[in-house]
mmCIF file of all heavy atoms, coordinates in Angstrom:
data_MODEL
# 
_entry.id   MODEL 
# 
loop_
_atom_site.group_PDB 
_atom_site.id 
_atom_site.type_symbol 
_atom_site.label_atom_id 
_atom_site.label_alt_id 
_atom_site.label_comp_id 
_atom_site.label_asym_id 
_atom_site.label_entity_id 
_atom_site.label_seq_id 
_atom_site.pdbx_PDB_ins_code 
_atom_site.Cartn_x 
_atom_site.Cartn_y 
_atom_site.Cartn_z 
_atom_site.occupancy 
_atom_site.B_iso_or_equiv 
_atom_site.pdbx_formal_charge 
_atom_site.auth_seq_id 
_atom_site.auth_comp_id 
_atom_site.auth_asym_id 
_atom_site.auth_atom_id 
_atom_site.pdbx_PDB_model_num 
ATOM 1   N N   . GLY A 1 1  ? 0.788   -1.224 0.000   1.00 0.00 ? 1  GLY A N   1 
ATOM 2   C CA  . GLY A 1 1  ? 0.000   0.000  0.000   1.00 0.00 ? 1  GLY A CA  1 
ATOM 3   C C   . GLY A 1 1  ? 0.814   1.264  0.000   1.00 0.00 ? 1  GLY A C   1 
ATOM 4   O O   . GLY A 1 1  ? 0.310   2.333  0.337   1.00 0.00 ? 1  GLY A O   1 
ATOM 5   N N   . GLY A 1 2  ? 2.100   1.173  -0.392  1.00 0.00 ? 2  GLY A N   1 
ATOM 6   C CA  . GLY A 1 2  ? 2.934   2.363  -0.399  1.00 0.00 ? 2  GLY A CA  1 
ATOM 7   C C   . GLY A 1 2  ? 2.628   3.305  -1.539  1.00 0.00 ? 2  GLY A C   1 
ATOM 8   O O   . GLY A 1 2  ? 3.005   4.457  -1.508  1.00 0.00 ? 2  GLY A O   1 
ATOM 9   N N   . PHE A 1 3  ? 1.983   2.815  -2.596  1.00 0.00 ? 3  PHE A N   1 
ATOM 10  C CA  . PHE A 1 3  ? 1.674   3.664  -3.741  1.00 0.00 ? 3  PHE A CA  1 
ATOM 11  C C   . PHE A 1 3  ? 0.157   3.796  -3.852  1.00 0.00 ? 3  PHE A C   1 
ATOM 12  O O   . PHE A 1 3  ? -0.547  2.817  -4.035  1.00 0.00 ? 3  PHE A O   1 
ATOM 13  C CB  . PHE A 1 3  ? 2.218   3.047  -5.038  1.00 0.00 ? 3  PHE A CB  1 
ATOM 14  C CG  . PHE A 1 3  ? 3.714   2.968  -5.068  1.00 0.00 ? 3  PHE A CG  1 
ATOM 15  C CD1 . PHE A 1 3  ? 4.376   1.873  -4.559  1.00 0.00 ? 3  PHE A CD1 1 
ATOM 16  C CD2 . PHE A 1 3  ? 4.450   4.003  -5.595  1.00 0.00 ? 3  PHE A CD2 1 
ATOM 17  C CE1 . PHE A 1 3  ? 5.754   1.803  -4.592  1.00 0.00 ? 3  PHE A CE1 1 
ATOM 18  C CE2 . PHE A 1 3  ? 5.831   3.942  -5.635  1.00 0.00 ? 3  PHE A CE2 1 
ATOM 19  C CZ  . PHE A 1 3  ? 6.482   2.841  -5.124  1.00 0.00 ? 3  PHE A CZ  1 
ATOM 20  N N   . ASP A 1 4  ? -0.341  4.996  -3.739  1.00 0.00 ? 4  ASP A N   1 
ATOM 21  C CA  . ASP A 1 4  ? -1.770  5.254  -3.830  1.00 0.00 ? 4  ASP A CA  1 
ATOM 22  C C   . ASP A 1 4  ? -2.099  5.858  -5.183  1.00 0.00 ? 4  ASP A C   1 
ATOM 23  O O   . ASP A 1 4  ? -1.232  6.191  -5.973  1.00 0.00 ? 4  ASP A O   1 
ATOM 24  C CB  . ASP A 1 4  ? -2.210  6.208  -2.713  1.00 0.00 ? 4  ASP A CB  1 
ATOM 25  C CG  . ASP A 1 4  ? -2.101  5.544  -1.350  1.00 0.00 ? 4  ASP A CG  1 
ATOM 26  O OD1 . ASP A 1 4  ? -2.401  4.344  -1.277  1.00 0.00 ? 4  ASP A OD1 1 
ATOM 27  O OD2 . ASP A 1 4  ? -1.708  6.222  -0.400  1.00 0.00 ? 4  ASP A OD2 1 
ATOM 28  N N   . VAL A 1 5  ? -3.386  6.001  -5.411  1.00 0.00 ? 5  VAL A N   1 
ATOM 29  C CA  . VAL A 1 5  ? -3.838  6.640  -6.639  1.00 0.00 ? 5  VAL A CA  1 
ATOM 30  C C   . VAL A 1 5  ? -3.267  8.049  -6.702  1.00 0.00 ? 5  VAL A C   1 
ATOM 31  O O   . VAL A 1 5  ? -3.291  8.791  -5.719  1.00 0.00 ? 5  VAL A O   1 
ATOM 32  C CB  . VAL A 1 5  ? -5.376  6.692  -6.683  1.00 0.00 ? 5  VAL A CB  1 
ATOM 33  C CG1 . VAL A 1 5  ? -5.849  7.407  -7.941  1.00 0.00 ? 5  VAL A CG1 1 
ATOM 34  C CG2 . VAL A 1 5  ? -5.939  5.275  -6.648  1.00 0.00 ? 5  VAL A CG2 1 
ATOM 35  N N   . ASP A 1 6  ? -2.735  8.410  -7.860  1.00 0.00 ? 6  ASP A N   1 
ATOM 36  C CA  . ASP A 1 6  ? -2.096  9.712  -8.019  1.00 0.00 ? 6  ASP A CA  1 
ATOM 37  C C   . ASP A 1 6  ? -3.127  10.835 -7.945  1.00 0.00 ? 6  ASP A C   1 
ATOM 38  O O   . ASP A 1 6  ? -4.185  10.755 -8.549  1.00 0.00 ? 6  ASP A O   1 
ATOM 39  C CB  . ASP A 1 6  ? -1.373  9.748  -9.369  1.00 0.00 ? 6  ASP A CB  1 
ATOM 40  C CG  . ASP A 1 6  ? -0.567  11.020 -9.541  1.00 0.00 ? 6  ASP A CG  1 
ATOM 41  O OD1 . ASP A 1 6  ? -0.211  11.622 -8.522  1.00 0.00 ? 6  ASP A OD1 1 
ATOM 42  O OD2 . ASP A 1 6  ? -0.309  11.385 -10.704 1.00 0.00 ? 6  ASP A OD2 1 
ATOM 43  N N   . ILE A 1 7  ? -2.797  11.871 -7.194  1.00 0.00 ? 7  ILE A N   1 
ATOM 44  C CA  . ILE A 1 7  ? -3.631  13.070 -7.116  1.00 0.00 ? 7  ILE A CA  1 
ATOM 45  C C   . ILE A 1 7  ? -2.792  14.243 -7.589  1.00 0.00 ? 7  ILE A C   1 
ATOM 46  O O   . ILE A 1 7  ? -1.683  14.461 -7.097  1.00 0.00 ? 7  ILE A O   1 
ATOM 47  C CB  . ILE A 1 7  ? -4.109  13.341 -5.670  1.00 0.00 ? 7  ILE A CB  1 
ATOM 48  C CG1 . ILE A 1 7  ? -5.006  12.212 -5.201  1.00 0.00 ? 7  ILE A CG1 1 
ATOM 49  C CG2 . ILE A 1 7  ? -4.845  14.663 -5.589  1.00 0.00 ? 7  ILE A CG2 1 
ATOM 50  C CD1 . ILE A 1 7  ? -5.455  12.381 -3.778  1.00 0.00 ? 7  ILE A CD1 1 
ATOM 51  N N   . ASP A 1 8  ? -3.294  14.995 -8.541  1.00 0.00 ? 8  ASP A N   1 
ATOM 52  C CA  . ASP A 1 8  ? -2.561  16.155 -9.015  1.00 0.00 ? 8  ASP A CA  1 
ATOM 53  C C   . ASP A 1 8  ? -2.844  17.319 -8.073  1.00 0.00 ? 8  ASP A C   1 
ATOM 54  O O   . ASP A 1 8  ? -3.665  18.197 -8.347  1.00 0.00 ? 8  ASP A O   1 
ATOM 55  C CB  . ASP A 1 8  ? -2.965  16.495 -10.447 1.00 0.00 ? 8  ASP A CB  1 
ATOM 56  C CG  . ASP A 1 8  ? -1.966  17.446 -11.090 1.00 0.00 ? 8  ASP A CG  1 
ATOM 57  O OD1 . ASP A 1 8  ? -1.109  17.967 -10.342 1.00 0.00 ? 8  ASP A OD1 1 
ATOM 58  O OD2 . ASP A 1 8  ? -2.035  17.656 -12.302 1.00 0.00 ? 8  ASP A OD2 1 
ATOM 59  N N   . ALA A 1 9  ? -2.146  17.330 -6.931  1.00 0.00 ? 9  ALA A N   1 
ATOM 60  C CA  . ALA A 1 9  ? -2.350  18.382 -5.937  1.00 0.00 ? 9  ALA A CA  1 
ATOM 61  C C   . ALA A 1 9  ? -1.930  19.743 -6.470  1.00 0.00 ? 9  ALA A C   1 
ATOM 62  O O   . ALA A 1 9  ? -2.363  20.774 -5.972  1.00 0.00 ? 9  ALA A O   1 
ATOM 63  C CB  . ALA A 1 9  ? -1.572  18.055 -4.661  1.00 0.00 ? 9  ALA A CB  1 
ATOM 64  N N   . ARG A 1 10 ? -1.046  19.744 -7.502  1.00 0.00 ? 10 ARG A N   1 
ATOM 65  C CA  . ARG A 1 10 ? -0.667  21.027 -8.089  1.00 0.00 ? 10 ARG A CA  1 
ATOM 66  C C   . ARG A 1 10 ? -1.881  21.726 -8.690  1.00 0.00 ? 10 ARG A C   1 
ATOM 67  O O   . ARG A 1 10 ? -2.000  22.945 -8.637  1.00 0.00 ? 10 ARG A O   1 
ATOM 68  C CB  . ARG A 1 10 ? 0.390   20.796 -9.181  1.00 0.00 ? 10 ARG A CB  1 
ATOM 69  C CG  . ARG A 1 10 ? 1.724   20.328 -8.638  1.00 0.00 ? 10 ARG A CG  1 
ATOM 70  C CD  . ARG A 1 10 ? 2.673   19.987 -9.764  1.00 0.00 ? 10 ARG A CD  1 
ATOM 71  N NE  . ARG A 1 10 ? 2.236   18.804 -10.489 1.00 0.00 ? 10 ARG A NE  1 
ATOM 72  C CZ  . ARG A 1 10 ? 2.967   18.189 -11.422 1.00 0.00 ? 10 ARG A CZ  1 
ATOM 73  N NH1 . ARG A 1 10 ? 4.146   18.682 -11.758 1.00 0.00 ? 10 ARG A NH1 1 
ATOM 74  N NH2 . ARG A 1 10 ? 2.530   17.109 -12.022 1.00 0.00 ? 10 ARG A NH2 1 
ATOM 75  N N   . ASP A 1 11 ? -2.781  20.960 -9.279  1.00 0.00 ? 11 ASP A N   1 
ATOM 76  C CA  . ASP A 1 11 ? -3.950  21.539 -9.929  1.00 0.00 ? 11 ASP A CA  1 
ATOM 77  C C   . ASP A 1 11 ? -4.859  22.204 -8.908  1.00 0.00 ? 11 ASP A C   1 
ATOM 78  O O   . ASP A 1 11 ? -5.280  23.348 -9.063  1.00 0.00 ? 11 ASP A O   1 
ATOM 79  C CB  . ASP A 1 11 ? -4.700  20.447 -10.694 1.00 0.00 ? 11 ASP A CB  1 
ATOM 80  C CG  . ASP A 1 11 ? -5.632  21.032 -11.742 1.00 0.00 ? 11 ASP A CG  1 
ATOM 81  O OD1 . ASP A 1 11 ? -5.418  22.186 -12.124 1.00 0.00 ? 11 ASP A OD1 1 
ATOM 82  O OD2 . ASP A 1 11 ? -6.571  20.341 -12.156 1.00 0.00 ? 11 ASP A OD2 1 
ATOM 83  N N   . ILE A 1 12 ? -5.173  21.490 -7.812  1.00 0.00 ? 12 ILE A N   1 
ATOM 84  C CA  . ILE A 1 12 ? -6.035  22.048 -6.779  1.00 0.00 ? 12 ILE A CA  1 
ATOM 85  C C   . ILE A 1 12 ? -5.335  23.205 -6.079  1.00 0.00 ? 12 ILE A C   1 
ATOM 86  O O   . ILE A 1 12 ? -5.937  24.244 -5.805  1.00 0.00 ? 12 ILE A O   1 
ATOM 87  C CB  . ILE A 1 12 ? -6.436  20.946 -5.774  1.00 0.00 ? 12 ILE A CB  1 
ATOM 88  C CG1 . ILE A 1 12 ? -7.288  19.883 -6.471  1.00 0.00 ? 12 ILE A CG1 1 
ATOM 89  C CG2 . ILE A 1 12 ? -7.169  21.542 -4.585  1.00 0.00 ? 12 ILE A CG2 1 
ATOM 90  C CD1 . ILE A 1 12 ? -7.637  18.704 -5.607  1.00 0.00 ? 12 ILE A CD1 1 
ATOM 91  N N   . GLY A 1 13 ? -4.059  23.047 -5.791  1.00 0.00 ? 13 GLY A N   1 
ATOM 92  C CA  . GLY A 1 13 ? -3.321  24.080 -5.061  1.00 0.00 ? 13 GLY A CA  1 
ATOM 93  C C   . GLY A 1 13 ? -3.087  25.344 -5.851  1.00 0.00 ? 13 GLY A C   1 
ATOM 94  O O   . GLY A 1 13 ? -2.716  26.373 -5.275  1.00 0.00 ? 13 GLY A O   1 
ATOM 95  N N   . ALA A 1 14 ? -3.308  25.295 -7.167  1.00 0.00 ? 14 ALA A N   1 
ATOM 96  C CA  . ALA A 1 14 ? -3.107  26.491 -7.994  1.00 0.00 ? 14 ALA A CA  1 
ATOM 97  C C   . ALA A 1 14 ? -4.371  27.329 -8.126  1.00 0.00 ? 14 ALA A C   1 
ATOM 98  O O   . ALA A 1 14 ? -4.340  28.390 -8.760  1.00 0.00 ? 14 ALA A O   1 
ATOM 99  C CB  . ALA A 1 14 ? -2.616  26.079 -9.378  1.00 0.00 ? 14 ALA A CB  1 
ATOM 100 N N   . ALA A 1 15 ? -5.496  26.879 -7.553  1.00 0.00 ? 15 ALA A N   1 
ATOM 101 C CA  . ALA A 1 15 ? -6.760  27.622 -7.678  1.00 0.00 ? 15 ALA A CA  1 
ATOM 102 C C   . ALA A 1 15 ? -6.649  28.985 -7.008  1.00 0.00 ? 15 ALA A C   1 
ATOM 103 O O   . ALA A 1 15 ? -6.089  29.124 -5.921  1.00 0.00 ? 15 ALA A O   1 
ATOM 104 C CB  . ALA A 1 15 ? -7.891  26.817 -7.060  1.00 0.00 ? 15 ALA A CB  1 
ATOM 105 N N   . THR A 1 16 ? -7.209  30.007 -7.650  1.00 0.00 ? 16 THR A N   1 
ATOM 106 C CA  . THR A 1 16 ? -7.137  31.374 -7.125  1.00 0.00 ? 16 THR A CA  1 
ATOM 107 C C   . THR A 1 16 ? -8.499  31.966 -6.789  1.00 0.00 ? 16 THR A C   1 
ATOM 108 O O   . THR A 1 16 ? -8.581  33.088 -6.302  1.00 0.00 ? 16 THR A O   1 
ATOM 109 C CB  . THR A 1 16 ? -6.438  32.289 -8.153  1.00 0.00 ? 16 THR A CB  1 
ATOM 110 O OG1 . THR A 1 16 ? -7.149  32.226 -9.398  1.00 0.00 ? 16 THR A OG1 1 
ATOM 111 C CG2 . THR A 1 16 ? -4.991  31.856 -8.360  1.00 0.00 ? 16 THR A CG2 1 
ATOM 112 N N   . SER A 1 17 ? -9.590  31.221 -7.068  1.00 0.00 ? 17 SER A N   1 
ATOM 113 C CA  . SER A 1 17 ? -10.930 31.698 -6.748  1.00 0.00 ? 17 SER A CA  1 
ATOM 114 C C   . SER A 1 17 ? -11.810 30.493 -6.448  1.00 0.00 ? 17 SER A C   1 
ATOM 115 O O   . SER A 1 17 ? -11.453 29.348 -6.753  1.00 0.00 ? 17 SER A O   1 
ATOM 116 C CB  . SER A 1 17 ? -11.522 32.506 -7.907  1.00 0.00 ? 17 SER A CB  1 
ATOM 117 O OG  . SER A 1 17 ? -11.704 31.675 -9.046  1.00 0.00 ? 17 SER A OG  1 
ATOM 118 N N   . VAL A 1 18 ? -12.984 30.764 -5.841  1.00 0.00 ? 18 VAL A N   1 
ATOM 119 C CA  . VAL A 1 18 ? -13.886 29.665 -5.492  1.00 0.00 ? 18 VAL A CA  1 
ATOM 120 C C   . VAL A 1 18 ? -14.373 28.915 -6.728  1.00 0.00 ? 18 VAL A C   1 
ATOM 121 O O   . VAL A 1 18 ? -14.325 27.677 -6.761  1.00 0.00 ? 18 VAL A O   1 
ATOM 122 C CB  . VAL A 1 18 ? -15.077 30.197 -4.664  1.00 0.00 ? 18 VAL A CB  1 
ATOM 123 C CG1 . VAL A 1 18 ? -16.092 29.072 -4.421  1.00 0.00 ? 18 VAL A CG1 1 
ATOM 124 C CG2 . VAL A 1 18 ? -14.582 30.763 -3.332  1.00 0.00 ? 18 VAL A CG2 1 
ATOM 125 N N   . PRO A 1 19 ? -14.846 29.586 -7.783  1.00 0.00 ? 19 PRO A N   1 
ATOM 126 C CA  . PRO A 1 19 ? -15.256 28.836 -8.981  1.00 0.00 ? 19 PRO A CA  1 
ATOM 127 C C   . PRO A 1 19 ? -14.102 28.043 -9.597  1.00 0.00 ? 19 PRO A C   1 
ATOM 128 O O   . PRO A 1 19 ? -14.292 26.905 -10.043 1.00 0.00 ? 19 PRO A O   1 
ATOM 129 C CB  . PRO A 1 19 ? -15.757 29.930 -9.932  1.00 0.00 ? 19 PRO A CB  1 
ATOM 130 C CG  . PRO A 1 19 ? -16.126 31.072 -9.051  1.00 0.00 ? 19 PRO A CG  1 
ATOM 131 C CD  . PRO A 1 19 ? -15.150 31.026 -7.936  1.00 0.00 ? 19 PRO A CD  1 
ATOM 132 N N   . ASP A 1 20 ? -12.906 28.647 -9.609  1.00 0.00 ? 20 ASP A N   1 
ATOM 133 C CA  . ASP A 1 20 ? -11.740 27.948 -10.149 1.00 0.00 ? 20 ASP A CA  1 
ATOM 134 C C   . ASP A 1 20 ? -11.426 26.715 -9.321  1.00 0.00 ? 20 ASP A C   1 
ATOM 135 O O   . ASP A 1 20 ? -11.111 25.638 -9.855  1.00 0.00 ? 20 ASP A O   1 
ATOM 136 C CB  . ASP A 1 20 ? -10.547 28.905 -10.165 1.00 0.00 ? 20 ASP A CB  1 
ATOM 137 C CG  . ASP A 1 20 ? -9.317  28.282 -10.823 1.00 0.00 ? 20 ASP A CG  1 
ATOM 138 O OD1 . ASP A 1 20 ? -9.490  27.445 -11.734 1.00 0.00 ? 20 ASP A OD1 1 
ATOM 139 O OD2 . ASP A 1 20 ? -8.189  28.634 -10.429 1.00 0.00 ? 20 ASP A OD2 1 
ATOM 140 N N   . LEU A 1 21 ? -11.529 26.821 -8.008  1.00 0.00 ? 21 LEU A N   1 
ATOM 141 C CA  . LEU A 1 21 ? -11.266 25.685 -7.128  1.00 0.00 ? 21 LEU A CA  1 
ATOM 142 C C   . LEU A 1 21 ? -12.286 24.574 -7.353  1.00 0.00 ? 21 LEU A C   1 
ATOM 143 O O   . LEU A 1 21 ? -11.929 23.391 -7.408  1.00 0.00 ? 21 LEU A O   1 
ATOM 144 C CB  . LEU A 1 21 ? -11.291 26.145 -5.665  1.00 0.00 ? 21 LEU A CB  1 
ATOM 145 C CG  . LEU A 1 21 ? -11.106 25.052 -4.611  1.00 0.00 ? 21 LEU A CG  1 
ATOM 146 C CD1 . LEU A 1 21 ? -9.754  24.359 -4.766  1.00 0.00 ? 21 LEU A CD1 1 
ATOM 147 C CD2 . LEU A 1 21 ? -11.258 25.636 -3.206  1.00 0.00 ? 21 LEU A CD2 1 
ATOM 148 N N   . GLN A 1 22 ? -13.556 24.926 -7.481  1.00 0.00 ? 22 GLN A N   1 
ATOM 149 C CA  . GLN A 1 22 ? -14.585 23.909 -7.714  1.00 0.00 ? 22 GLN A CA  1 
ATOM 150 C C   . GLN A 1 22 ? -14.355 23.184 -9.035  1.00 0.00 ? 22 GLN A C   1 
ATOM 151 O O   . GLN A 1 22 ? -14.495 21.971 -9.110  1.00 0.00 ? 22 GLN A O   1 
ATOM 152 C CB  . GLN A 1 22 ? -15.965 24.580 -7.693  1.00 0.00 ? 22 GLN A CB  1 
ATOM 153 C CG  . GLN A 1 22 ? -16.377 25.097 -6.323  1.00 0.00 ? 22 GLN A CG  1 
ATOM 154 C CD  . GLN A 1 22 ? -17.664 25.881 -6.353  1.00 0.00 ? 22 GLN A CD  1 
ATOM 155 O OE1 . GLN A 1 22 ? -18.126 26.302 -7.429  1.00 0.00 ? 22 GLN A OE1 1 
ATOM 156 N NE2 . GLN A 1 22 ? -18.270 26.088 -5.182  1.00 0.00 ? 22 GLN A NE2 1 
ATOM 157 N N   . ARG A 1 23 ? -13.979 23.951 -10.062 1.00 0.00 ? 23 ARG A N   1 
ATOM 158 C CA  . ARG A 1 23 ? -13.727 23.321 -11.366 1.00 0.00 ? 23 ARG A CA  1 
ATOM 159 C C   . ARG A 1 23 ? -12.532 22.365 -11.283 1.00 0.00 ? 23 ARG A C   1 
ATOM 160 O O   . ARG A 1 23 ? -12.602 21.237 -11.784 1.00 0.00 ? 23 ARG A O   1 
ATOM 161 C CB  . ARG A 1 23 ? -13.454 24.408 -12.411 1.00 0.00 ? 23 ARG A CB  1 
ATOM 162 C CG  . ARG A 1 23 ? -13.144 23.874 -13.809 1.00 0.00 ? 23 ARG A CG  1 
ATOM 163 C CD  . ARG A 1 23 ? -12.790 24.987 -14.750 1.00 0.00 ? 23 ARG A CD  1 
ATOM 164 N NE  . ARG A 1 23 ? -11.605 25.721 -14.328 1.00 0.00 ? 23 ARG A NE  1 
ATOM 165 C CZ  . ARG A 1 23 ? -10.359 25.276 -14.520 1.00 0.00 ? 23 ARG A CZ  1 
ATOM 166 N NH1 . ARG A 1 23 ? -10.147 24.101 -15.117 1.00 0.00 ? 23 ARG A NH1 1 
ATOM 167 N NH2 . ARG A 1 23 ? -9.334  25.994 -14.119 1.00 0.00 ? 23 ARG A NH2 1 
ATOM 168 N N   . ARG A 1 24 ? -11.447 22.799 -10.643 1.00 0.00 ? 24 ARG A N   1 
ATOM 169 C CA  . ARG A 1 24 ? -10.258 21.966 -10.543 1.00 0.00 ? 24 ARG A CA  1 
ATOM 170 C C   . ARG A 1 24 ? -10.513 20.725 -9.688  1.00 0.00 ? 24 ARG A C   1 
ATOM 171 O O   . ARG A 1 24 ? -10.042 19.629 -10.000 1.00 0.00 ? 24 ARG A O   1 
ATOM 172 C CB  . ARG A 1 24 ? -9.097  22.773 -9.958  1.00 0.00 ? 24 ARG A CB  1 
ATOM 173 C CG  . ARG A 1 24 ? -8.576  23.870 -10.883 1.00 0.00 ? 24 ARG A CG  1 
ATOM 174 C CD  . ARG A 1 24 ? -7.578  24.768 -10.146 1.00 0.00 ? 24 ARG A CD  1 
ATOM 175 N NE  . ARG A 1 24 ? -7.081  25.842 -10.984 1.00 0.00 ? 24 ARG A NE  1 
ATOM 176 C CZ  . ARG A 1 24 ? -5.986  25.770 -11.743 1.00 0.00 ? 24 ARG A CZ  1 
ATOM 177 N NH1 . ARG A 1 24 ? -5.275  24.657 -11.754 1.00 0.00 ? 24 ARG A NH1 1 
ATOM 178 N NH2 . ARG A 1 24 ? -5.597  26.807 -12.470 1.00 0.00 ? 24 ARG A NH2 1 
ATOM 179 N N   . THR A 1 25 ? -11.267 20.901 -8.596  1.00 0.00 ? 25 THR A N   1 
ATOM 180 C CA  . THR A 1 25 ? -11.574 19.757 -7.724  1.00 0.00 ? 25 THR A CA  1 
ATOM 181 C C   . THR A 1 25 ? -12.437 18.733 -8.446  1.00 0.00 ? 25 THR A C   1 
ATOM 182 O O   . THR A 1 25 ? -12.172 17.522 -8.377  1.00 0.00 ? 25 THR A O   1 
ATOM 183 C CB  . THR A 1 25 ? -12.291 20.239 -6.451  1.00 0.00 ? 25 THR A CB  1 
ATOM 184 O OG1 . THR A 1 25 ? -11.493 21.213 -5.797  1.00 0.00 ? 25 THR A OG1 1 
ATOM 185 C CG2 . THR A 1 25 ? -12.541 19.070 -5.510  1.00 0.00 ? 25 THR A CG2 1 
ATOM 186 N N   . ASN A 1 26 ? -13.459 19.182 -9.142  1.00 0.00 ? 26 ASN A N   1 
ATOM 187 C CA  . ASN A 1 26 ? -14.316 18.255 -9.895  1.00 0.00 ? 26 ASN A CA  1 
ATOM 188 C C   . ASN A 1 26 ? -13.530 17.510 -10.971 1.00 0.00 ? 26 ASN A C   1 
ATOM 189 O O   . ASN A 1 26 ? -13.736 16.309 -11.189 1.00 0.00 ? 26 ASN A O   1 
ATOM 190 C CB  . ASN A 1 26 ? -15.486 19.016 -10.527 1.00 0.00 ? 26 ASN A CB  1 
ATOM 191 C CG  . ASN A 1 26 ? -16.452 19.553 -9.486  1.00 0.00 ? 26 ASN A CG  1 
ATOM 192 O OD1 . ASN A 1 26 ? -16.542 19.025 -8.378  1.00 0.00 ? 26 ASN A OD1 1 
ATOM 193 N ND2 . ASN A 1 26 ? -17.175 20.616 -9.821  1.00 0.00 ? 26 ASN A ND2 1 
ATOM 194 N N   . ALA A 1 27 ? -12.623 18.235 -11.644 1.00 0.00 ? 27 ALA A N   1 
ATOM 195 C CA  . ALA A 1 27 ? -11.821 17.588 -12.683 1.00 0.00 ? 27 ALA A CA  1 
ATOM 196 C C   . ALA A 1 27 ? -10.889 16.544 -12.083 1.00 0.00 ? 27 ALA A C   1 
ATOM 197 O O   . ALA A 1 27 ? -10.700 15.456 -12.651 1.00 0.00 ? 27 ALA A O   1 
ATOM 198 C CB  . ALA A 1 27 ? -11.027 18.642 -13.449 1.00 0.00 ? 27 ALA A CB  1 
ATOM 199 N N   . THR A 1 28 ? -10.304 16.848 -10.925 1.00 0.00 ? 28 THR A N   1 
ATOM 200 C CA  . THR A 1 28 ? -9.409  15.895 -10.265 1.00 0.00 ? 28 THR A CA  1 
ATOM 201 C C   . THR A 1 28 ? -10.163 14.644 -9.836  1.00 0.00 ? 28 THR A C   1 
ATOM 202 O O   . THR A 1 28 ? -9.708  13.516 -10.034 1.00 0.00 ? 28 THR A O   1 
ATOM 203 C CB  . THR A 1 28 ? -8.739  16.554 -9.045  1.00 0.00 ? 28 THR A CB  1 
ATOM 204 O OG1 . THR A 1 28 ? -7.965  17.666 -9.481  1.00 0.00 ? 28 THR A OG1 1 
ATOM 205 C CG2 . THR A 1 28 ? -7.839  15.568 -8.324  1.00 0.00 ? 28 THR A CG2 1 
ATOM 206 N N   . ILE A 1 29 ? -11.346 14.822 -9.228  1.00 0.00 ? 29 ILE A N   1 
ATOM 207 C CA  . ILE A 1 29 ? -12.148 13.673 -8.789  1.00 0.00 ? 29 ILE A CA  1 
ATOM 208 C C   . ILE A 1 29 ? -12.581 12.839 -9.991  1.00 0.00 ? 29 ILE A C   1 
ATOM 209 O O   . ILE A 1 29 ? -12.587 11.595 -9.932  1.00 0.00 ? 29 ILE A O   1 
ATOM 210 C CB  . ILE A 1 29 ? -13.363 14.157 -7.971  1.00 0.00 ? 29 ILE A CB  1 
ATOM 211 C CG1 . ILE A 1 29 ? -12.887 14.754 -6.642  1.00 0.00 ? 29 ILE A CG1 1 
ATOM 212 C CG2 . ILE A 1 29 ? -14.346 13.013 -7.724  1.00 0.00 ? 29 ILE A CG2 1 
ATOM 213 C CD1 . ILE A 1 29 ? -13.995 15.370 -5.812  1.00 0.00 ? 29 ILE A CD1 1 
# 
């Protein structure tokens, strides 16, 4: 279990507004 499903945290962490964050989070999920 050392390797989990990859999450592009860079995408979520780069959000600069609430709509941008929601779009990036939905795309990541």
